[in-house]
Amino acid sequence: MIGNIDLDGAILNVLIQEYGQKKVLMSNFDTDNAIYSDGFILAIESGKIPTLELYPTDSHRFYNELKEYHHVIINDECYNVYFKN
């Protein structure tokens, strides 16, 4: 995976605007140590909002409306992060 680091805090800002600072900081979504896939960055740039939940890459969420996901690596673990439109 080609990785991207959020040097200017843009992804953190998107998360805080959507969920609030307290909820973001209490989540496991460690933006300080995250490496984002190109698809993740493109989804953010197109205005999609990631959820705060991190799922192992071998899991799938077929039970709800969230179908788009992209990868993020945090502390050497790869996760699926789903997006809302």
Protein backbone atom coordinates (compact mmCIF):
# COMPACT_ATOMS: atom_id res chain seq x y z
CA MET A 1 0.00 0.00 0.00
CA ILE A 2 1.20 3.48 -0.81
CA GLY A 3 0.89 5.46 2.38
CA ASN A 4 0.07 9.05 3.20
CA ILE A 5 0.64 10.85 6.48
CA ASP A 6 -1.65 13.69 7.59
CA LEU A 7 1.06 16.26 8.25
CA ASP A 8 -1.25 19.28 8.46
CA GLY A 9 -3.98 17.62 10.56
CA ALA A 10 -6.68 17.89 7.87
CA ILE A 11 -8.10 14.41 8.60
CA LEU A 12 -8.16 15.09 12.33
CA ASN A 13 -10.03 18.34 11.64
CA VAL A 14 -12.62 16.51 9.48
CA LEU A 15 -13.19 14.00 12.27
CA ILE A 16 -13.50 16.68 14.95
CA GLN A 17 -15.94 18.71 12.85
CA GLU A 18 -18.13 15.63 12.34
CA TYR A 19 -17.95 13.95 15.77
CA GLY A 20 -16.56 16.52 18.21
CA GLN A 21 -13.14 16.63 19.84
CA LYS A 22 -14.00 14.51 22.89
CA LYS A 23 -15.43 11.62 20.88
CA VAL A 24 -12.49 11.64 18.45
CA LEU A 25 -9.88 11.73 21.20
CA MET A 26 -11.63 8.91 23.09
CA SER A 27 -11.72 6.69 19.98
CA ASN A 28 -9.02 4.25 18.86
CA PHE A 29 -8.51 6.28 15.68
CA ASP A 30 -4.96 7.47 16.41
CA THR A 31 -4.45 10.12 13.72
CA ASP A 32 -0.98 10.93 15.05
CA ASN A 33 0.31 7.48 14.08
CA ALA A 34 -1.91 6.74 11.07
CA ILE A 35 -0.82 6.03 7.52
CA TYR A 36 -3.66 6.44 5.02
CA SER A 37 -4.18 4.70 1.69
CA ASP A 38 -4.54 6.76 -1.50
CA GLY A 39 -8.21 5.74 -1.62
CA PHE A 40 -8.72 7.07 1.92
CA ILE A 41 -7.27 10.43 0.92
CA LEU A 42 -9.37 10.58 -2.27
CA ALA A 43 -12.54 9.83 -0.27
CA ILE A 44 -11.74 12.67 2.17
CA GLU A 45 -11.01 15.03 -0.72
CA SER A 46 -14.37 14.18 -2.30
CA GLY A 47 -16.19 15.14 0.91
CA LYS A 48 -16.85 11.69 2.36
CA ILE A 49 -16.63 11.28 6.13
CA PRO A 50 -14.85 8.30 7.73
CA THR A 51 -16.42 6.58 10.70
CA LEU A 52 -14.39 6.39 13.91
CA GLU A 53 -14.56 2.61 14.12
CA LEU A 54 -11.57 0.55 13.03
CA TYR A 55 -12.21 -2.95 11.68
CA PRO A 56 -9.68 -5.70 10.98
CA THR A 57 -9.08 -6.12 7.27
CA ASP A 58 -10.64 -9.60 7.36
CA SER A 59 -14.00 -8.25 8.56
CA HIS A 60 -16.84 -7.01 6.39
CA ARG A 61 -19.91 -4.96 7.25
CA PHE A 62 -22.64 -6.31 5.02
CA TYR A 63 -25.39 -5.56 7.53
CA ASN A 64 -25.79 -1.82 6.99
CA GLU A 65 -25.63 0.92 4.39
CA LEU A 66 -21.90 1.62 4.72
CA LYS A 67 -20.19 -0.16 1.86
CA GLU A 68 -17.23 2.02 0.97
CA TYR A 69 -14.10 1.50 3.01
CA HIS A 70 -10.43 2.32 2.73
CA HIS A 71 -7.35 1.26 4.62
CA VAL A 72 -5.42 2.91 7.39
CA ILE A 73 -2.37 1.56 9.19
CA ILE A 74 -2.02 2.49 12.86
CA ASN A 75 0.93 1.18 14.86
CA ASP A 76 1.74 -1.47 12.22
CA GLU A 77 -1.85 -2.82 12.13
CA CYS A 78 -3.97 -2.43 9.00
CA TYR A 79 -7.68 -1.59 9.40
CA ASN A 80 -10.74 -1.00 7.26
CA VAL A 81 -12.40 2.35 7.86
CA TYR A 82 -15.90 2.81 6.44
CA PHE A 83 -17.15 6.07 4.95
CA LYS A 84 -20.47 7.89 4.98
CA ASN A 85 -21.42 10.05 2.02
